[in-house]
C-alpha atoms as a PDB file:
ATOM      1  CA  MET A   1     107.191  95.908 111.744  1.00  0.00           C
ATOM      2  CA  ALA A   2     109.508  98.136 108.920  1.00  0.00           C
ATOM      3  CA  TRP A   3     108.142  98.538 105.253  1.00  0.00           C
ATOM      4  CA  ASN A   4     109.115  95.562 103.430  1.00  0.00           C
ATOM      5  CA  GLN A   5     108.523  95.537  99.956  1.00  0.00           C
ATOM      6  CA  ALA A   6     109.144  91.994  98.830  1.00  0.00           C
ATOM      7  CA  ALA A   7     106.644  90.757 101.762  1.00  0.00           C
ATOM      8  CA  PHE A   8     103.977  93.577 100.540  1.00  0.00           C
ATOM      9  CA  GLY A   9     104.663  92.308  96.941  1.00  0.00           C
ATOM     10  CA  ARG A  10     104.054  89.091  98.225  1.00  0.00           C
ATOM     11  CA  ARG A  11     100.428  90.180 100.501  1.00  0.00           C
ATOM     12  CA  LEU A  12      99.094  91.541  97.001  1.00  0.00           C
ATOM     13  CA  LYS A  13      99.783  88.668  95.127  1.00  0.00           C
ATOM     14  CA  ALA A  14      98.068  86.299  97.438  1.00  0.00           C
ATOM     15  CA  LEU A  15      95.112  88.923  98.268  1.00  0.00           C
ATOM     16  CA  ARG A  16      94.948  88.826  93.994  1.00  0.00           C
ATOM     17  CA  GLU A  17      95.408  84.807  93.688  1.00  0.00           C
ATOM     18  CA  GLN A  18      92.506  84.225  96.406  1.00  0.00           C
ATOM     19  CA  GLU A  19      89.939  86.410  94.477  1.00  0.00           C
ATOM     20  CA  GLY A  20      91.052  84.214  91.321  1.00  0.00           C
ATOM     21  CA  LEU A  21      92.317  87.351  89.365  1.00  0.00           C
ATOM     22  CA  SER A  22      94.836  87.235  86.686  1.00  0.00           C
ATOM     23  CA  MET A  23      97.263  90.351  86.657  1.00  0.00           C
ATOM     24  CA  LEU A  24      95.731  91.465  83.850  1.00  0.00           C
ATOM     25  CA  ALA A  25      92.293  90.883  85.389  1.00  0.00           C
ATOM     26  CA  PHE A  26      93.021  92.810  88.207  1.00  0.00           C
ATOM     27  CA  GLY A  27      94.852  95.693  86.316  1.00  0.00           C
ATOM     28  CA  LYS A  28      91.386  96.294  84.608  1.00  0.00           C
ATOM     29  CA  GLU A  29      89.907  96.302  87.537  1.00  0.00           C
ATOM     30  CA  ILE A  30      92.114  99.293  89.329  1.00  0.00           C
ATOM     31  CA  GLY A  31      93.138 101.154  85.811  1.00  0.00           C
ATOM     32  CA  THR A  32      96.812  99.985  86.003  1.00  0.00           C
ATOM     33  CA  SER A  33      98.570  97.216  83.502  1.00  0.00           C
ATOM     34  CA  ALA A  34      99.710  93.695  84.159  1.00  0.00           C
ATOM     35  CA  SER A  35     103.321  94.964  84.170  1.00  0.00           C
ATOM     36  CA  ARG A  36     102.808  97.294  87.013  1.00  0.00           C
ATOM     37  CA  ILE A  37     101.150  94.744  89.052  1.00  0.00           C
ATOM     38  CA  LYS A  38     103.832  92.232  88.488  1.00  0.00           C
ATOM     39  CA  HIS A  39     106.954  95.004  89.248  1.00  0.00           C
ATOM     40  CA  TRP A  40     104.680  95.534  92.705  1.00  0.00           C
ATOM     41  CA  GLU A  41     104.033  91.660  93.478  1.00  0.00           C
ATOM     42  CA  GLU A  42     108.123  91.108  92.923  1.00  0.00           C
ATOM     43  CA  GLY A  43     108.811  93.928  94.878  1.00  0.00           C
ATOM     44  CA  LYS A  44     110.654  95.877  92.154  1.00  0.00           C
ATOM     45  CA  SER A  45     108.450  98.932  93.259  1.00  0.00           C
ATOM     46  CA  ALA A  46     105.782 100.020  95.663  1.00  0.00           C
ATOM     47  CA  PRO A  47     102.715 101.632  94.014  1.00  0.00           C
ATOM     48  CA  SER A  48     102.141 105.303  94.964  1.00  0.00           C
ATOM     49  CA  ALA A  49      99.637 106.152  98.096  1.00  0.00           C
ATOM     50  CA  SER A  50      96.311 106.796  95.726  1.00  0.00           C
ATOM     51  CA  TRP A  51      97.343 102.990  94.765  1.00  0.00           C
ATOM     52  CA  ILE A  52      97.642 101.822  98.140  1.00  0.00           C
ATOM     53  CA  VAL A  53      93.934 103.281  98.639  1.00  0.00           C
ATOM     54  CA  THR A  54      92.690 101.787  95.371  1.00  0.00           C
ATOM     55  CA  ILE A  55      93.776  98.389  96.352  1.00  0.00           C
ATOM     56  CA  SER A  56      92.654  98.290  99.728  1.00  0.00           C
ATOM     57  CA  GLU A  57      89.466  99.156  98.299  1.00  0.00           C
ATOM     58  CA  ARG A  58      89.143  96.654  95.953  1.00  0.00           C
ATOM     59  CA  PHE A  59      90.430  94.139  98.611  1.00  0.00           C
ATOM     60  CA  GLY A  60      88.145  94.804 101.384  1.00  0.00           C
ATOM     61  CA  VAL A  61      91.533  95.096 103.638  1.00  0.00           C
ATOM     62  CA  SER A  62      92.166  98.723 105.179  1.00  0.00           C
ATOM     63  CA  ALA A  63      95.458 100.291 103.503  1.00  0.00           C
ATOM     64  CA  GLU A  64      97.383  99.754 107.058  1.00  0.00           C
ATOM     65  CA  SER A  65      96.283  96.198 107.019  1.00  0.00           C
ATOM     66  CA  LEU A  66      98.178  96.280 103.352  1.00  0.00           C
ATOM     67  CA  LEU A  67     101.263  97.486 104.003  1.00  0.00           C
ATOM     68  CA  THR A  68     102.316  96.105 107.328  1.00  0.00           C
ATOM     69  CA  GLY A  69     100.888  92.733 106.586  1.00  0.00           C
ATOM     70  CA  GLU A  70      98.334  92.460 109.449  1.00  0.00           C
ATOM     71  CA  LEU A  71      95.620  91.920 107.218  1.00  0.00           C
ATOM     72  CA  LYS A  72      91.649  92.737 108.372  1.00  0.00           C
ATOM     73  CA  ARG A  73      88.622  92.344 105.517  1.00  0.00           C
ATOM     74  CA  GLU A  74      85.819  94.438 105.985  1.00  0.00           C
ATOM     75  CA  ILE A  75      82.783  92.289 106.723  1.00  0.00           C
ATOM     76  CA  GLU A  76      79.631  93.310 106.429  1.00  0.00           C
ATOM     77  CA  SER A  77      78.631  94.703 109.883  1.00  0.00           C
ATOM     78  CA  GLY A  78      81.636  97.042 109.209  1.00  0.00           C
ATOM     79  CA  ALA A  79      83.746  95.402 112.070  1.00  0.00           C
ATOM     80  CA  THR A  80      87.410  94.467 110.816  1.00  0.00           C
ATOM     81  CA  GLU A  81      88.478  90.491 111.195  1.00  0.00           C
ATOM     82  CA  PRO A  82      91.565  90.161 111.881  1.00  0.00           C
ATOM     83  CA  ALA A  83      93.558  87.734 110.141  1.00  0.00           C
ATOM     84  CA  SER A  84      96.843  87.993 111.703  1.00  0.00           C
ATOM     85  CA  ALA A  85      97.883  89.171 115.214  1.00  0.00           C
ATOM     86  CA  GLY A  86     101.025  91.402 116.345  1.00  0.00           C
ATOM     87  CA  GLY A  87     102.391  94.850 117.256  1.00  0.00           C
ATOM     88  CA  SER A  88     100.716  97.487 118.962  1.00  0.00           C
ATOM     89  CA  GLU A  89      98.592  99.746 116.880  1.00  0.00           C
ATOM     90  CA  GLU A  90     100.472 103.546 117.486  1.00  0.00           C
ATOM     91  CA  ALA A  91     103.761 101.760 115.692  1.00  0.00           C
ATOM     92  CA  ASN A  92     101.950 100.224 113.293  1.00  0.00           C
ATOM     93  CA  LEU A  93     100.069 103.999 112.450  1.00  0.00           C
ATOM     94  CA  ASP A  94     103.736 105.187 112.522  1.00  0.00           C
ATOM     95  CA  GLU A  95     105.063 102.381 109.862  1.00  0.00           C
ATOM     96  CA  LEU A  96     101.829 103.481 107.647  1.00  0.00           C
ATOM     97  CA  ALA A  97     102.474 107.006 107.960  1.00  0.00           C
ATOM     98  CA  ASP A  98     106.514 106.949 106.923  1.00  0.00           C
ATOM     99  CA  SER A  99     105.760 104.342 103.792  1.00  0.00           C
ATOM    100  CA  LEU A 100     103.273 106.669 102.512  1.00  0.00           C
ATOM    101  CA  ILE A 101     105.167 109.802 103.124  1.00  0.00           C
ATOM    102  CA  ARG A 102     108.113 107.947 101.102  1.00  0.00           C
ATOM    103  CA  ALA A 103     105.320 106.490  98.583  1.00  0.00           C
ATOM    104  CA  GLY A 104     104.600 110.551  98.081  1.00  0.00           C
ATOM    105  CA  ASP A 105     107.788 111.788  97.975  1.00  0.00           C
ATOM    106  CA  LYS A 106     108.430 109.509  94.747  1.00  0.00           C
ATOM    107  CA  ARG A 107     105.035 110.295  93.389  1.00  0.00           C
ATOM    108  CA  TYR A 108     105.581 114.207  93.749  1.00  0.00           C
ATOM    109  CA  GLY A 109     108.982 115.080  94.608  1.00  0.00           C
ATOM    110  CA  GLU A 110     109.671 116.724  91.360  1.00  0.00           C
ATOM    111  CA  ARG A 111     109.096 120.526  90.672  1.00  0.00           C
ATOM    112  CA  ASP A 112     105.128 121.149  91.444  1.00  0.00           C
ATOM    113  CA  GLY A 113     104.722 118.147  93.127  1.00  0.00           C
ATOM    114  CA  ARG A 114     102.979 119.921  96.066  1.00  0.00           C
ATOM    115  CA  GLU A 115      99.939 121.345  93.239  1.00  0.00           C
ATOM    116  CA  LYS A 116      99.882 117.918  92.123  1.00  0.00           C
ATOM    117  CA  MET A 117      99.399 115.897  94.924  1.00  0.00           C
ATOM    118  CA  ILE A 118      96.588 118.157  96.638  1.00  0.00           C
ATOM    119  CA  LYS A 119      94.824 118.044  93.087  1.00  0.00           C
ATOM    120  CA  ASP A 120      95.063 113.983  93.310  1.00  0.00           C
ATOM    121  CA  ILE A 121      93.696 114.200  96.637  1.00  0.00           C
ATOM    122  CA  THR A 122      91.080 116.772  96.429  1.00  0.00           C
ATOM    123  CA  ALA A 123      89.674 114.273  93.085  1.00  0.00           C
ATOM    124  CA  ARG A 124      89.384 111.722  95.488  1.00  0.00           C
ATOM    125  CA  LEU A 125      88.002 112.534  98.531  1.00  0.00           C
ATOM    126  CA  PRO A 126      84.096 112.806  97.470  1.00  0.00           C
ATOM    127  CA  GLY A 127      84.532 109.304  96.751  1.00  0.00           C
ATOM    128  CA  MET A 128      86.125 108.009  99.571  1.00  0.00           C
ATOM    129  CA  SER A 129      84.617 105.620 102.648  1.00  0.00           C
ATOM    130  CA  VAL A 130      84.222 106.643 105.802  1.00  0.00           C
ATOM    131  CA  GLN A 131      86.677 104.200 106.913  1.00  0.00           C
ATOM    132  CA  ASP A 132      88.916 105.635 104.148  1.00  0.00           C
ATOM    133  CA  LEU A 133      88.418 109.388 105.631  1.00  0.00           C
ATOM    134  CA  ARG A 134      89.406 108.190 109.206  1.00  0.00           C
ATOM    135  CA  GLU A 135      92.771 106.836 108.136  1.00  0.00           C
ATOM    136  CA  LEU A 136      93.768 109.892 105.581  1.00  0.00           C
ATOM    137  CA  LEU A 137      92.805 111.838 109.225  1.00  0.00           C
ATOM    138  CA  ILE A 138      95.267 109.389 111.200  1.00  0.00           C
ATOM    139  CA  ILE A 139      98.042 109.561 108.903  1.00  0.00           C
ATOM    140  CA  THR A 140      97.796 113.531 108.391  1.00  0.00           C
ATOM    141  CA  VAL A 141      98.200 113.339 112.516  1.00  0.00           C
ATOM    142  CA  LEU A 142     101.214 111.270 112.297  1.00  0.00           C
ATOM    143  CA  LYS A 143     102.481 113.459 109.736  1.00  0.00           C
ATOM    144  CA  SER A 144     102.586 116.356 111.756  1.00  0.00           C
ATOM    145  CA  ARG A 145     104.540 114.637 114.166  1.00  0.00           C
ATOM    146  CA  TYR A 146     107.017 114.626 112.057  1.00  0.00           C
ATOM    147  CA  ASP A 147     107.075 118.339 110.325  1.00  0.00           C
END
């Protein structure tokens, strides 16, 4: 499944509405504006990799699930509960890596981008869950395939 910005927006809106959150309330929870959320939901813009992590943590879904549409909610035992089936795991991970790389290029593509990216990652590492750290490792391994 290829990255589809509009489909991502529909998934984000569905998750937000399932929780009974307005754009304003959701924005306050994750630290952004309602207008930014509106642009994401309408497919006018895509969140950066760091926003994907924040959103997936808020809704208890993996970043991969959020991006690909194969939603899995974390349940209390720590296992995942699939919401839809389809696609090979390796292909989905490749797509996830590609989309995160593109999102990172948009945010950090300017001069001094590498330093800003390292600073952002370093600031987030201590607060990341084990699952997020595993996903980060997977993304790093997949990215090395493209270098």
